[in-house]
């Protein structure tokens, strides 16, 4: 594993820590029960698109399980399954490593909607939540998608450049 990839995985750990420590303080009190941004998930989508869908799957499974264990102890595996599956599917949709900003933002919106819908579907299947899907869309999913969209806009240029450097370095090594 090269140095840049190690740094990017450490970035995922930093984002994971920020998700649980700093972000709850930054979210306004009226929105605390509605907004639960998944910063690590957005970075995993970038890995899926700009590096490889299998990398997105593995990172999604690992960080999703970490998320399940640290934050949501009632059902272990929900976030792991959803992050891994969505990371793989979004990476599968992206055929080009040169994904432009508008297409990347469409992938982020689609992935965020899919991720939150899978979480809601799993929780409603096992009786954890009892609200209808339309209520969840208006009260949780749309606000989360908006925050994740803004975060993706913020990290697009620096993270894309780092991932393209990794991909360009790795390509000649794979051909040999």
N, C-alpha and C. Protein backbone atom coordinates (compact mmCIF):
# COMPACT_ATOMS: atom_id res chain seq x y z
N UNK A 1 0.86 -1.17 0.00
CA UNK A 1 0.00 0.00 0.00
C UNK A 1 0.90 1.23 0.00
N UNK A 2 0.61 2.13 -0.93
CA UNK A 2 1.48 3.31 -1.00
C UNK A 2 1.10 4.36 0.04
N UNK A 3 1.95 5.36 0.12
CA UNK A 3 1.81 6.38 1.16
C UNK A 3 0.53 7.20 0.99
N UNK A 4 0.20 7.56 -0.26
CA UNK A 4 -1.00 8.38 -0.48
C UNK A 4 -2.28 7.63 -0.11
N UNK A 5 -2.34 6.35 -0.42
CA UNK A 5 -3.53 5.58 -0.07
C UNK A 5 -3.67 5.46 1.43
N UNK A 6 -2.57 5.31 2.14
CA UNK A 6 -2.59 5.26 3.59
C UNK A 6 -3.11 6.57 4.17
N UNK A 7 -2.66 7.67 3.59
CA UNK A 7 -3.12 8.99 4.05
C UNK A 7 -4.62 9.15 3.80
N UNK A 8 -5.11 8.67 2.65
CA UNK A 8 -6.54 8.78 2.36
C UNK A 8 -7.39 7.91 3.29
N UNK A 9 -6.87 6.75 3.67
CA UNK A 9 -7.61 5.92 4.62
C UNK A 9 -7.60 6.57 6.00
N UNK A 10 -6.50 7.21 6.36
CA UNK A 10 -6.47 7.98 7.61
C UNK A 10 -7.47 9.13 7.56
N UNK A 11 -7.64 9.72 6.37
CA UNK A 11 -8.66 10.76 6.19
C UNK A 11 -10.05 10.21 6.50
N UNK A 12 -10.32 8.98 6.08
CA UNK A 12 -11.61 8.36 6.41
C UNK A 12 -11.80 8.22 7.92
N UNK A 13 -10.74 7.85 8.63
CA UNK A 13 -10.83 7.76 10.09
C UNK A 13 -11.07 9.13 10.71
N UNK A 14 -10.41 10.15 10.20
CA UNK A 14 -10.62 11.51 10.70
C UNK A 14 -12.07 11.95 10.46
N UNK A 15 -12.59 11.67 9.26
CA UNK A 15 -13.98 12.00 8.97
C UNK A 15 -14.93 11.23 9.89
N UNK A 16 -14.61 9.99 10.18
CA UNK A 16 -15.43 9.19 11.09
C UNK A 16 -15.46 9.81 12.48
N UNK A 17 -14.31 10.26 12.94
CA UNK A 17 -14.24 10.90 14.26
C UNK A 17 -15.00 12.22 14.26
N UNK A 18 -14.87 13.00 13.18
CA UNK A 18 -15.60 14.27 13.08
C UNK A 18 -17.11 14.06 13.07
N UNK A 19 -17.54 12.98 12.41
CA UNK A 19 -18.97 12.66 12.37
C UNK A 19 -19.57 12.48 13.76
N UNK A 20 -18.80 11.91 14.65
CA UNK A 20 -19.32 11.61 15.98
C UNK A 20 -19.03 12.65 17.04
N UNK A 21 -18.05 13.52 16.78
CA UNK A 21 -17.65 14.46 17.83
C UNK A 21 -18.01 15.90 17.49
N UNK A 22 -17.55 16.41 16.38
CA UNK A 22 -17.70 17.83 16.06
C UNK A 22 -19.03 18.16 15.39
N UNK A 23 -19.48 17.32 14.47
CA UNK A 23 -20.71 17.63 13.74
C UNK A 23 -21.95 17.74 14.60
N UNK A 24 -22.13 16.91 15.62
CA UNK A 24 -23.32 17.11 16.46
C UNK A 24 -23.36 18.49 17.13
N UNK A 25 -22.22 19.10 17.36
CA UNK A 25 -22.19 20.44 17.96
C UNK A 25 -22.49 21.52 16.92
N UNK A 26 -22.20 21.25 15.66
CA UNK A 26 -22.40 22.24 14.61
C UNK A 26 -23.83 22.27 14.06
N UNK A 27 -24.54 21.17 14.23
CA UNK A 27 -25.91 21.09 13.73
C UNK A 27 -26.82 21.88 14.68
N UNK A 28 -27.67 22.74 14.12
CA UNK A 28 -28.60 23.51 14.98
C UNK A 28 -29.50 22.58 15.80
N UNK A 29 -29.87 23.05 16.96
CA UNK A 29 -30.64 22.23 17.89
C UNK A 29 -31.97 21.75 17.30
N UNK A 30 -32.62 22.57 16.50
CA UNK A 30 -33.89 22.18 15.90
C UNK A 30 -33.73 21.06 14.88
N UNK A 31 -32.55 20.91 14.30
CA UNK A 31 -32.31 19.90 13.26
C UNK A 31 -31.56 18.68 13.78
N UNK A 32 -31.25 18.61 15.06
CA UNK A 32 -30.45 17.51 15.60
C UNK A 32 -31.07 16.14 15.36
N UNK A 33 -32.38 16.05 15.44
CA UNK A 33 -33.03 14.75 15.24
C UNK A 33 -33.26 14.43 13.76
N UNK A 34 -33.07 15.40 12.88
CA UNK A 34 -33.31 15.19 11.46
C UNK A 34 -32.05 14.92 10.66
N UNK A 35 -30.99 15.63 10.95
CA UNK A 35 -29.78 15.54 10.14
C UNK A 35 -28.76 14.63 10.80
N UNK A 36 -28.31 13.66 10.03
CA UNK A 36 -27.27 12.74 10.47
C UNK A 36 -26.33 12.54 9.28
N UNK A 37 -25.43 13.50 9.03
CA UNK A 37 -24.60 13.41 7.82
C UNK A 37 -23.60 12.26 7.89
N UNK A 38 -23.36 11.65 6.76
CA UNK A 38 -22.45 10.52 6.65
C UNK A 38 -21.26 10.93 5.79
N UNK A 39 -20.31 11.60 6.40
CA UNK A 39 -19.15 12.12 5.68
C UNK A 39 -18.25 11.00 5.16
N UNK A 40 -18.09 9.98 5.94
CA UNK A 40 -17.25 8.84 5.52
C UNK A 40 -17.87 8.18 4.29
N UNK A 41 -19.16 8.07 4.27
CA UNK A 41 -19.84 7.45 3.13
C UNK A 41 -19.59 8.23 1.84
N UNK A 42 -19.61 9.56 1.92
CA UNK A 42 -19.36 10.37 0.73
C UNK A 42 -17.93 10.16 0.24
N UNK A 43 -16.98 10.10 1.16
CA UNK A 43 -15.60 9.83 0.76
C UNK A 43 -15.46 8.43 0.17
N UNK A 44 -16.21 7.47 0.67
CA UNK A 44 -16.19 6.12 0.11
C UNK A 44 -16.75 6.12 -1.31
N UNK A 45 -17.76 6.94 -1.57
CA UNK A 45 -18.27 7.07 -2.94
C UNK A 45 -17.19 7.59 -3.87
N UNK A 46 -16.39 8.54 -3.40
CA UNK A 46 -15.29 9.04 -4.21
C UNK A 46 -14.28 7.92 -4.49
N UNK A 47 -13.97 7.11 -3.49
CA UNK A 47 -13.08 5.97 -3.70
C UNK A 47 -13.67 5.01 -4.73
N UNK A 48 -14.97 4.75 -4.64
CA UNK A 48 -15.62 3.83 -5.56
C UNK A 48 -15.55 4.32 -7.00
N UNK A 49 -15.72 5.60 -7.18
CA UNK A 49 -15.77 6.15 -8.53
C UNK A 49 -14.38 6.36 -9.11
N UNK A 50 -13.50 6.95 -8.34
CA UNK A 50 -12.20 7.33 -8.89
C UNK A 50 -11.13 6.26 -8.74
N UNK A 51 -11.34 5.28 -7.90
CA UNK A 51 -10.34 4.23 -7.78
C UNK A 51 -10.89 2.91 -8.30
N UNK A 52 -11.79 2.29 -7.54
CA UNK A 52 -12.30 0.99 -7.95
C UNK A 52 -13.54 0.67 -7.13
N UNK A 53 -14.51 0.01 -7.75
CA UNK A 53 -15.74 -0.33 -7.03
C UNK A 53 -15.49 -1.37 -5.94
N UNK A 54 -14.49 -2.21 -6.12
CA UNK A 54 -14.18 -3.21 -5.09
C UNK A 54 -13.57 -2.54 -3.86
N UNK A 55 -12.78 -1.49 -4.09
CA UNK A 55 -12.25 -0.72 -2.97
C UNK A 55 -13.39 -0.07 -2.20
N UNK A 56 -14.37 0.47 -2.93
CA UNK A 56 -15.55 1.06 -2.29
C UNK A 56 -16.34 0.04 -1.49
N UNK A 57 -16.43 -1.17 -2.01
CA UNK A 57 -17.13 -2.24 -1.29
C UNK A 57 -16.43 -2.58 0.01
N UNK A 58 -15.11 -2.79 -0.06
CA UNK A 58 -14.35 -3.16 1.14
C UNK A 58 -14.37 -2.03 2.17
N UNK A 59 -14.12 -0.80 1.72
CA UNK A 59 -14.15 0.34 2.65
C UNK A 59 -15.54 0.54 3.23
N UNK A 60 -16.57 0.35 2.41
CA UNK A 60 -17.95 0.47 2.90
C UNK A 60 -18.27 -0.56 3.96
N UNK A 61 -17.85 -1.80 3.72
CA UNK A 61 -18.10 -2.85 4.72
C UNK A 61 -17.36 -2.57 6.02
N UNK A 62 -16.08 -2.16 5.92
CA UNK A 62 -15.27 -1.92 7.12
C UNK A 62 -15.77 -0.72 7.92
N UNK A 63 -15.92 0.41 7.24
CA UNK A 63 -16.35 1.61 7.96
C UNK A 63 -17.82 1.54 8.35
N UNK A 64 -18.63 0.82 7.59
CA UNK A 64 -20.02 0.61 7.99
C UNK A 64 -20.12 -0.21 9.25
N UNK A 65 -19.29 -1.25 9.36
CA UNK A 65 -19.28 -2.06 10.58
C UNK A 65 -18.78 -1.25 11.76
N UNK A 66 -17.77 -0.44 11.53
CA UNK A 66 -17.27 0.45 12.58
C UNK A 66 -18.38 1.41 13.02
N UNK A 67 -19.13 1.91 12.06
CA UNK A 67 -20.26 2.81 12.35
C UNK A 67 -21.33 2.08 13.14
N UNK A 68 -21.63 0.84 12.75
CA UNK A 68 -22.63 0.05 13.48
C UNK A 68 -22.22 -0.18 14.93
N UNK A 69 -20.98 -0.52 15.14
CA UNK A 69 -20.52 -0.85 16.48
C UNK A 69 -20.45 0.39 17.36
N UNK A 70 -19.94 1.49 16.83
CA UNK A 70 -19.74 2.69 17.65
C UNK A 70 -21.04 3.44 17.89
N UNK A 71 -21.87 3.63 16.86
CA UNK A 71 -23.03 4.51 16.99
C UNK A 71 -24.36 3.80 17.17
N UNK A 72 -24.59 2.68 16.52
CA UNK A 72 -25.91 2.08 16.50
C UNK A 72 -25.83 0.62 16.93
N UNK A 73 -25.78 0.38 18.22
CA UNK A 73 -25.61 -0.96 18.74
C UNK A 73 -26.82 -1.85 18.67
N UNK A 74 -28.01 -1.32 18.35
CA UNK A 74 -29.21 -2.14 18.34
C UNK A 74 -29.21 -3.17 17.22
N UNK A 75 -28.74 -2.79 16.04
CA UNK A 75 -28.70 -3.69 14.89
C UNK A 75 -27.33 -3.60 14.24
N UNK A 76 -26.50 -4.56 14.48
CA UNK A 76 -25.16 -4.57 13.89
C UNK A 76 -25.26 -5.12 12.47
N UNK A 77 -24.68 -4.39 11.53
CA UNK A 77 -24.63 -4.86 10.16
C UNK A 77 -25.42 -4.04 9.17
N UNK A 78 -26.33 -3.21 9.64
CA UNK A 78 -27.17 -2.42 8.74
C UNK A 78 -26.34 -1.42 7.95
N UNK A 79 -25.55 -0.64 8.64
CA UNK A 79 -24.73 0.36 7.96
C UNK A 79 -23.64 -0.31 7.13
N UNK A 80 -23.09 -1.39 7.61
CA UNK A 80 -22.07 -2.12 6.87
C UNK A 80 -22.64 -2.62 5.54
N UNK A 81 -23.79 -3.23 5.58
CA UNK A 81 -24.43 -3.73 4.37
C UNK A 81 -24.75 -2.58 3.42
N UNK A 82 -25.35 -1.51 3.94
CA UNK A 82 -25.77 -0.41 3.09
C UNK A 82 -24.58 0.33 2.47
N UNK A 83 -23.55 0.62 3.27
CA UNK A 83 -22.37 1.32 2.73
C UNK A 83 -21.64 0.46 1.70
N UNK A 84 -21.48 -0.82 1.99
CA UNK A 84 -20.80 -1.70 1.06
C UNK A 84 -21.55 -1.85 -0.25
N UNK A 85 -22.85 -2.10 -0.15
CA UNK A 85 -23.67 -2.28 -1.35
C UNK A 85 -23.74 -1.00 -2.18
N UNK A 86 -23.97 0.12 -1.54
CA UNK A 86 -24.07 1.39 -2.27
C UNK A 86 -22.73 1.79 -2.87
N UNK A 87 -21.65 1.58 -2.14
CA UNK A 87 -20.33 1.88 -2.67
C UNK A 87 -20.04 1.05 -3.92
N UNK A 88 -20.41 -0.21 -3.88
CA UNK A 88 -20.19 -1.08 -5.04
C UNK A 88 -21.07 -0.66 -6.21
N UNK A 89 -22.37 -0.42 -5.96
CA UNK A 89 -23.29 -0.07 -7.04
C UNK A 89 -22.95 1.26 -7.70
N UNK A 90 -22.58 2.25 -6.90
CA UNK A 90 -22.22 3.55 -7.48
C UNK A 90 -20.91 3.42 -8.26
N UNK A 91 -19.98 2.63 -7.78
CA UNK A 91 -18.76 2.37 -8.53
C UNK A 91 -19.04 1.62 -9.82
N UNK A 92 -20.04 0.76 -9.81
CA UNK A 92 -20.44 0.02 -11.00
C UNK A 92 -21.07 0.95 -12.05
N UNK A 93 -21.81 1.95 -11.58
CA UNK A 93 -22.42 2.92 -12.50
C UNK A 93 -21.38 3.78 -13.20
N UNK A 94 -20.32 4.07 -12.50
CA UNK A 94 -19.29 4.95 -13.04
C UNK A 94 -18.30 4.13 -13.86
N UNK A 95 -18.29 4.34 -15.14
CA UNK A 95 -17.37 3.60 -16.02
C UNK A 95 -16.06 4.33 -16.23
N UNK A 96 -16.06 5.65 -16.04
CA UNK A 96 -14.88 6.46 -16.33
C UNK A 96 -14.22 6.93 -15.04
N UNK A 97 -12.89 6.96 -15.04
CA UNK A 97 -12.16 7.49 -13.89
C UNK A 97 -12.08 9.01 -13.95
N UNK A 98 -12.54 9.61 -15.02
CA UNK A 98 -12.50 11.06 -15.20
C UNK A 98 -13.90 11.65 -15.05
N UNK A 99 -14.60 11.28 -14.03
CA UNK A 99 -15.97 11.73 -13.80
C UNK A 99 -16.00 13.23 -13.50
N UNK A 100 -16.73 14.02 -14.30
CA UNK A 100 -16.80 15.47 -14.05
C UNK A 100 -17.68 15.79 -12.83
N UNK A 101 -17.59 17.02 -12.38
CA UNK A 101 -18.31 17.46 -11.17
C UNK A 101 -19.82 17.23 -11.25
N UNK A 102 -20.52 17.64 -12.33
CA UNK A 102 -21.98 17.43 -12.33
C UNK A 102 -22.38 15.96 -12.22
N UNK A 103 -21.65 15.10 -12.91
CA UNK A 103 -21.97 13.67 -12.85
C UNK A 103 -21.64 13.10 -11.46
N UNK A 104 -20.55 13.56 -10.88
CA UNK A 104 -20.18 13.11 -9.53
C UNK A 104 -21.25 13.52 -8.52
N UNK A 105 -21.78 14.72 -8.66
CA UNK A 105 -22.82 15.18 -7.73
C UNK A 105 -24.12 14.39 -7.93
N UNK A 106 -24.40 14.00 -9.17
CA UNK A 106 -25.56 13.14 -9.41
C UNK A 106 -25.35 11.78 -8.73
N UNK A 107 -24.12 11.25 -8.82
CA UNK A 107 -23.81 9.99 -8.13
C UNK A 107 -23.94 10.14 -6.62
N UNK A 108 -23.52 11.28 -6.08
CA UNK A 108 -23.63 11.51 -4.63
C UNK A 108 -25.10 11.57 -4.21
N UNK A 109 -25.91 12.28 -4.97
CA UNK A 109 -27.34 12.38 -4.64
C UNK A 109 -28.00 10.99 -4.73
N UNK A 110 -27.73 10.28 -5.82
CA UNK A 110 -28.30 8.95 -6.00
C UNK A 110 -27.83 8.00 -4.91
N UNK A 111 -26.53 8.03 -4.62
CA UNK A 111 -25.99 7.16 -3.58
C UNK A 111 -26.54 7.48 -2.21
N UNK A 112 -26.70 8.76 -1.91
CA UNK A 112 -27.24 9.16 -0.60
C UNK A 112 -28.70 8.74 -0.45
N UNK A 113 -29.49 8.93 -1.51
CA UNK A 113 -30.88 8.48 -1.47
C UNK A 113 -30.97 6.97 -1.32
N UNK A 114 -30.14 6.25 -2.05
CA UNK A 114 -30.13 4.80 -1.97
C UNK A 114 -29.69 4.32 -0.58
N UNK A 115 -28.63 4.93 -0.05
CA UNK A 115 -28.12 4.56 1.26
C UNK A 115 -29.17 4.75 2.35
N UNK A 116 -29.75 5.95 2.41
CA UNK A 116 -30.76 6.21 3.45
C UNK A 116 -32.01 5.37 3.24
N UNK A 117 -32.36 5.07 2.00
CA UNK A 117 -33.53 4.22 1.74
C UNK A 117 -33.28 2.78 2.18
N UNK A 118 -32.06 2.29 1.97
CA UNK A 118 -31.74 0.93 2.42
C UNK A 118 -31.77 0.86 3.95
N UNK A 119 -31.22 1.89 4.60
CA UNK A 119 -31.25 1.92 6.07
C UNK A 119 -32.70 1.94 6.56
N UNK A 120 -33.53 2.80 5.97
CA UNK A 120 -34.93 2.88 6.39
C UNK A 120 -35.65 1.56 6.11
N UNK A 121 -35.41 0.98 4.93
CA UNK A 121 -36.06 -0.28 4.59
C UNK A 121 -35.68 -1.41 5.53
N UNK A 122 -34.42 -1.47 5.90
CA UNK A 122 -33.96 -2.51 6.82
C UNK A 122 -34.57 -2.31 8.20
N UNK A 123 -34.57 -1.07 8.67
CA UNK A 123 -35.15 -0.80 9.98
C UNK A 123 -36.66 -1.05 10.01
N UNK A 124 -37.35 -0.72 8.94
CA UNK A 124 -38.80 -0.97 8.94
C UNK A 124 -39.09 -2.46 8.78
N UNK A 125 -38.23 -3.19 8.07
CA UNK A 125 -38.40 -4.63 7.92
C UNK A 125 -38.33 -5.34 9.27
N UNK A 126 -37.41 -4.89 10.11
CA UNK A 126 -37.24 -5.52 11.42
C UNK A 126 -37.99 -4.80 12.54
N UNK A 127 -38.84 -3.86 12.19
CA UNK A 127 -39.71 -3.22 13.18
C UNK A 127 -39.04 -2.19 14.07
N UNK A 128 -37.91 -1.66 13.65
CA UNK A 128 -37.23 -0.64 14.46
C UNK A 128 -37.93 0.71 14.29
N UNK A 129 -38.38 1.02 13.07
CA UNK A 129 -39.12 2.26 12.82
C UNK A 129 -40.53 1.91 12.36
N UNK A 130 -41.47 2.82 12.64
CA UNK A 130 -42.86 2.55 12.30
C UNK A 130 -43.48 3.66 11.46
N UNK A 131 -42.68 4.63 11.04
CA UNK A 131 -43.19 5.72 10.21
C UNK A 131 -43.24 5.28 8.75
N UNK A 132 -44.10 5.92 7.95
CA UNK A 132 -44.12 5.60 6.52
C UNK A 132 -42.89 6.18 5.81
N UNK A 133 -42.60 5.64 4.63
CA UNK A 133 -41.42 6.06 3.87
C UNK A 133 -41.52 7.54 3.47
N UNK A 134 -42.71 8.01 3.15
CA UNK A 134 -42.88 9.42 2.76
C UNK A 134 -42.49 10.36 3.91
N UNK A 135 -42.81 9.97 5.12
CA UNK A 135 -42.42 10.77 6.29
C UNK A 135 -40.90 10.78 6.42
N UNK A 136 -40.26 9.64 6.25
CA UNK A 136 -38.81 9.55 6.37
C UNK A 136 -38.12 10.37 5.29
N UNK A 137 -38.68 10.37 4.09
CA UNK A 137 -38.08 11.16 3.01
C UNK A 137 -38.09 12.64 3.36
N UNK A 138 -39.21 13.13 3.83
CA UNK A 138 -39.32 14.56 4.13
C UNK A 138 -38.56 14.98 5.37
N UNK A 139 -38.49 14.13 6.38
CA UNK A 139 -37.90 14.51 7.65
C UNK A 139 -36.44 14.11 7.84
N UNK A 140 -35.97 13.11 7.11
CA UNK A 140 -34.60 12.64 7.32
C UNK A 140 -33.78 12.57 6.03
N UNK A 141 -34.33 11.94 5.02
CA UNK A 141 -33.54 11.63 3.83
C UNK A 141 -33.18 12.89 3.05
N UNK A 142 -34.14 13.74 2.76
CA UNK A 142 -33.85 14.96 1.98
C UNK A 142 -32.88 15.89 2.72
N UNK A 143 -33.05 16.17 4.02
CA UNK A 143 -32.04 17.00 4.70
C UNK A 143 -30.65 16.36 4.71
N UNK A 144 -30.56 15.04 4.87
CA UNK A 144 -29.26 14.37 4.82
C UNK A 144 -28.63 14.48 3.44
N UNK A 145 -29.42 14.30 2.41
CA UNK A 145 -28.90 14.40 1.04
C UNK A 145 -28.36 15.80 0.79
N UNK A 146 -29.05 16.81 1.28
CA UNK A 146 -28.60 18.19 1.08
C UNK A 146 -27.26 18.44 1.75
N UNK A 147 -27.10 17.99 2.99
CA UNK A 147 -25.83 18.18 3.71
C UNK A 147 -24.71 17.38 3.05
N UNK A 148 -25.00 16.18 2.62
CA UNK A 148 -23.98 15.36 1.97
C UNK A 148 -23.61 15.93 0.60
N UNK A 149 -24.56 16.53 -0.09
CA UNK A 149 -24.28 17.21 -1.35
C UNK A 149 -23.32 18.37 -1.14
N UNK A 150 -23.56 19.17 -0.10
CA UNK A 150 -22.67 20.29 0.20
C UNK A 150 -21.27 19.81 0.58
N UNK A 151 -21.19 18.73 1.34
CA UNK A 151 -19.89 18.17 1.70
C UNK A 151 -19.15 17.66 0.47
N UNK A 152 -19.87 17.02 -0.44
CA UNK A 152 -19.25 16.53 -1.68
C UNK A 152 -18.71 17.68 -2.52
N UNK A 153 -19.44 18.78 -2.56
CA UNK A 153 -18.94 19.97 -3.26
C UNK A 153 -17.67 20.49 -2.62
N UNK A 154 -17.61 20.44 -1.33
CA UNK A 154 -16.46 20.96 -0.59
C UNK A 154 -15.20 20.12 -0.82
N UNK A 155 -15.33 18.82 -0.86
CA UNK A 155 -14.15 17.96 -0.96
C UNK A 155 -13.86 17.49 -2.38
N UNK A 156 -14.66 17.87 -3.36
CA UNK A 156 -14.52 17.33 -4.71
C UNK A 156 -13.12 17.52 -5.29
N UNK A 157 -12.64 18.75 -5.34
CA UNK A 157 -11.36 19.01 -6.01
C UNK A 157 -10.17 18.37 -5.29
N UNK A 158 -9.98 18.58 -3.98
CA UNK A 158 -8.79 17.98 -3.36
C UNK A 158 -8.80 16.46 -3.35
N UNK A 159 -9.93 15.86 -3.06
CA UNK A 159 -9.98 14.40 -2.98
C UNK A 159 -9.86 13.77 -4.37
N UNK A 160 -10.48 14.38 -5.36
CA UNK A 160 -10.37 13.86 -6.72
C UNK A 160 -8.93 13.88 -7.22
N UNK A 161 -8.23 14.96 -6.95
CA UNK A 161 -6.83 15.05 -7.38
C UNK A 161 -5.98 13.97 -6.72
N UNK A 162 -6.18 13.75 -5.44
CA UNK A 162 -5.40 12.72 -4.74
C UNK A 162 -5.71 11.33 -5.27
N UNK A 163 -6.98 11.05 -5.53
CA UNK A 163 -7.36 9.74 -6.03
C UNK A 163 -6.89 9.53 -7.47
N UNK A 164 -6.87 10.59 -8.27
CA UNK A 164 -6.35 10.46 -9.64
C UNK A 164 -4.85 10.21 -9.63
N UNK A 165 -4.13 10.81 -8.70
CA UNK A 165 -2.69 10.56 -8.58
C UNK A 165 -2.45 9.09 -8.24
N UNK A 166 -3.22 8.54 -7.32
CA UNK A 166 -3.08 7.13 -6.94
C UNK A 166 -3.39 6.24 -8.14
N UNK A 167 -4.46 6.53 -8.86
CA UNK A 167 -4.86 5.72 -10.00
C UNK A 167 -3.81 5.76 -11.10
N UNK A 168 -3.24 6.95 -11.38
CA UNK A 168 -2.22 7.07 -12.42
C UNK A 168 -0.95 6.33 -12.04
N UNK A 169 -0.57 6.38 -10.79
CA UNK A 169 0.62 5.67 -10.33
C UNK A 169 0.44 4.17 -10.39
N UNK A 170 -0.75 3.71 -10.09
CA UNK A 170 -1.00 2.28 -10.02
C UNK A 170 -1.14 1.66 -11.41
N UNK A 171 -1.63 2.41 -12.39
CA UNK A 171 -1.89 1.87 -13.72
C UNK A 171 -0.64 1.28 -14.37
N UNK A 172 0.53 1.96 -14.41
CA UNK A 172 1.71 1.33 -15.01
C UNK A 172 2.17 0.09 -14.24
N UNK A 173 2.00 0.07 -12.93
CA UNK A 173 2.41 -1.07 -12.13
C UNK A 173 1.56 -2.31 -12.46
N UNK A 174 0.24 -2.08 -12.71
CA UNK A 174 -0.65 -3.19 -13.01
C UNK A 174 -0.35 -3.79 -14.38
N UNK A 175 0.09 -2.95 -15.32
CA UNK A 175 0.37 -3.43 -16.67
C UNK A 175 1.63 -4.28 -16.71
N UNK A 176 2.57 -4.05 -15.80
CA UNK A 176 3.85 -4.79 -15.81
C UNK A 176 3.71 -6.21 -15.33
